[in-house]
N, C-alpha and C. Protein backbone atom coordinates (compact mmCIF):
# COMPACT_ATOMS: atom_id res chain seq x y z
N LEU A 1 -21.69 -77.94 173.05
CA LEU A 1 -22.34 -77.02 173.97
C LEU A 1 -23.77 -77.47 174.26
N SER A 2 -24.49 -77.90 173.23
CA SER A 2 -25.88 -78.32 173.48
C SER A 2 -25.93 -79.61 174.30
N ILE A 3 -24.86 -80.39 174.27
CA ILE A 3 -24.83 -81.60 175.10
C ILE A 3 -24.79 -81.21 176.57
N VAL A 4 -24.04 -80.16 176.86
CA VAL A 4 -23.90 -79.72 178.24
C VAL A 4 -25.19 -79.10 178.76
N ILE A 5 -25.85 -78.29 177.94
CA ILE A 5 -27.06 -77.61 178.41
C ILE A 5 -28.34 -78.30 177.90
N GLY A 6 -28.23 -79.52 177.48
CA GLY A 6 -29.39 -80.25 176.97
C GLY A 6 -30.49 -80.40 177.99
N ASP A 7 -30.13 -80.66 179.24
CA ASP A 7 -31.14 -80.80 180.29
C ASP A 7 -31.85 -79.47 180.54
N VAL A 8 -31.12 -78.38 180.45
CA VAL A 8 -31.73 -77.06 180.65
C VAL A 8 -32.68 -76.75 179.50
N LEU A 9 -32.28 -77.08 178.28
CA LEU A 9 -33.13 -76.81 177.12
C LEU A 9 -34.42 -77.62 177.15
N ARG A 10 -34.39 -78.78 177.76
CA ARG A 10 -35.61 -79.59 177.87
C ARG A 10 -36.63 -78.95 178.82
N GLN A 11 -36.16 -78.11 179.74
CA GLN A 11 -37.05 -77.44 180.68
C GLN A 11 -37.72 -76.20 180.08
N VAL A 12 -37.14 -75.67 178.99
CA VAL A 12 -37.69 -74.47 178.36
C VAL A 12 -38.81 -74.89 177.42
N PRO A 13 -39.97 -74.25 177.50
CA PRO A 13 -41.08 -74.60 176.61
C PRO A 13 -40.73 -74.36 175.13
N ILE A 14 -41.27 -75.18 174.26
CA ILE A 14 -41.02 -75.07 172.83
C ILE A 14 -41.49 -73.72 172.29
N ALA A 15 -42.60 -73.20 172.82
CA ALA A 15 -43.12 -71.91 172.36
C ALA A 15 -42.14 -70.78 172.64
N VAL A 16 -41.44 -70.86 173.75
CA VAL A 16 -40.45 -69.83 174.08
C VAL A 16 -39.28 -69.90 173.11
N LEU A 17 -38.79 -71.10 172.84
CA LEU A 17 -37.69 -71.25 171.88
C LEU A 17 -38.12 -70.80 170.49
N PHE A 18 -39.34 -71.14 170.09
CA PHE A 18 -39.85 -70.71 168.79
C PHE A 18 -39.92 -69.19 168.72
N GLY A 19 -40.38 -68.56 169.77
CA GLY A 19 -40.47 -67.10 169.81
C GLY A 19 -39.11 -66.44 169.72
N ILE A 20 -38.13 -66.99 170.40
CA ILE A 20 -36.77 -66.43 170.36
C ILE A 20 -36.20 -66.53 168.96
N PHE A 21 -36.32 -67.69 168.34
CA PHE A 21 -35.77 -67.86 166.99
C PHE A 21 -36.55 -67.06 165.96
N LEU A 22 -37.86 -66.92 166.13
CA LEU A 22 -38.65 -66.08 165.23
C LEU A 22 -38.22 -64.62 165.35
N TYR A 23 -38.02 -64.15 166.56
CA TYR A 23 -37.56 -62.78 166.79
C TYR A 23 -36.19 -62.56 166.16
N MET A 24 -35.28 -63.50 166.35
CA MET A 24 -33.93 -63.36 165.78
C MET A 24 -34.00 -63.35 164.25
N GLY A 25 -34.87 -64.15 163.67
CA GLY A 25 -35.00 -64.19 162.22
C GLY A 25 -35.56 -62.91 161.65
N VAL A 26 -36.57 -62.36 162.30
CA VAL A 26 -37.17 -61.11 161.82
C VAL A 26 -36.19 -59.96 161.97
N MET A 27 -35.46 -59.92 163.07
CA MET A 27 -34.49 -58.84 163.29
C MET A 27 -33.32 -58.93 162.31
N SER A 28 -32.99 -60.12 161.86
CA SER A 28 -31.88 -60.25 160.91
C SER A 28 -32.26 -59.79 159.51
N LEU A 29 -33.56 -59.66 159.23
CA LEU A 29 -34.00 -59.18 157.92
C LEU A 29 -33.81 -57.68 157.76
N ASN A 30 -33.62 -56.97 158.85
CA ASN A 30 -33.45 -55.53 158.80
C ASN A 30 -32.14 -55.19 158.09
N GLY A 31 -32.22 -54.39 157.03
CA GLY A 31 -31.03 -53.99 156.30
C GLY A 31 -30.70 -54.87 155.11
N VAL A 32 -31.42 -55.95 154.90
CA VAL A 32 -31.19 -56.82 153.76
C VAL A 32 -31.87 -56.19 152.54
N GLN A 33 -31.13 -56.08 151.45
CA GLN A 33 -31.63 -55.37 150.27
C GLN A 33 -32.89 -56.02 149.70
N LEU A 34 -33.01 -57.32 149.79
CA LEU A 34 -34.20 -58.01 149.27
C LEU A 34 -35.46 -57.54 149.99
N THR A 35 -35.40 -57.45 151.31
CA THR A 35 -36.58 -57.01 152.05
C THR A 35 -36.88 -55.54 151.78
N GLU A 36 -35.84 -54.73 151.57
CA GLU A 36 -36.07 -53.32 151.23
C GLU A 36 -36.76 -53.20 149.88
N ARG A 37 -36.37 -54.02 148.93
CA ARG A 37 -36.99 -53.98 147.61
C ARG A 37 -38.44 -54.46 147.66
N ILE A 38 -38.72 -55.45 148.48
CA ILE A 38 -40.10 -55.92 148.62
C ILE A 38 -40.96 -54.83 149.24
N MET A 39 -40.42 -54.11 150.21
CA MET A 39 -41.17 -53.01 150.82
C MET A 39 -41.45 -51.90 149.81
N LEU A 40 -40.56 -51.72 148.82
CA LEU A 40 -40.77 -50.70 147.79
C LEU A 40 -42.00 -51.01 146.93
N LEU A 41 -42.36 -52.28 146.82
CA LEU A 41 -43.54 -52.65 146.04
C LEU A 41 -44.82 -52.08 146.63
N PHE A 42 -44.84 -51.91 147.95
CA PHE A 42 -46.03 -51.43 148.64
C PHE A 42 -45.98 -49.93 148.94
N MET A 43 -44.91 -49.26 148.51
CA MET A 43 -44.71 -47.85 148.80
C MET A 43 -44.92 -47.01 147.54
N PRO A 44 -45.62 -45.88 147.65
CA PRO A 44 -45.79 -45.02 146.47
C PRO A 44 -44.43 -44.50 145.98
N PRO A 45 -44.27 -44.34 144.66
CA PRO A 45 -42.96 -43.95 144.11
C PRO A 45 -42.41 -42.64 144.67
N LYS A 46 -43.26 -41.72 145.06
CA LYS A 46 -42.74 -40.45 145.57
C LYS A 46 -42.08 -40.60 146.94
N TYR A 47 -42.31 -41.71 147.62
CA TYR A 47 -41.70 -41.96 148.92
C TYR A 47 -40.49 -42.90 148.84
N HIS A 48 -40.10 -43.29 147.65
CA HIS A 48 -38.95 -44.19 147.51
C HIS A 48 -37.67 -43.48 147.93
N PRO A 49 -36.78 -44.20 148.61
CA PRO A 49 -35.51 -43.58 149.02
C PRO A 49 -34.59 -43.39 147.81
N ASP A 50 -33.55 -42.62 147.99
CA ASP A 50 -32.62 -42.31 146.91
C ASP A 50 -31.48 -43.34 146.90
N HIS A 51 -31.78 -44.55 146.43
CA HIS A 51 -30.76 -45.60 146.27
C HIS A 51 -30.49 -45.80 144.79
N THR A 52 -29.33 -46.38 144.47
CA THR A 52 -28.98 -46.57 143.06
C THR A 52 -29.92 -47.55 142.39
N TYR A 53 -30.35 -48.58 143.09
CA TYR A 53 -31.24 -49.57 142.45
C TYR A 53 -32.66 -49.03 142.28
N VAL A 54 -32.99 -47.92 142.92
CA VAL A 54 -34.31 -47.31 142.73
C VAL A 54 -34.28 -46.34 141.55
N ARG A 55 -33.17 -45.65 141.37
CA ARG A 55 -33.08 -44.64 140.32
C ARG A 55 -33.01 -45.23 138.93
N LYS A 56 -32.57 -46.47 138.80
CA LYS A 56 -32.40 -47.07 137.47
C LYS A 56 -33.73 -47.42 136.85
């Protein structure tokens, strides 16, 4: 597929491609338990959600 659209991809600026892949990467982190646990480090305990890994 990239062979077919290779000429088109050369016309797109690198910053645009970087932005698209950065956006896709950040959006894919939503709902991942690791990122939720990291966010718990910065959250006061009284605001922690009621998950099994928080109650233990």
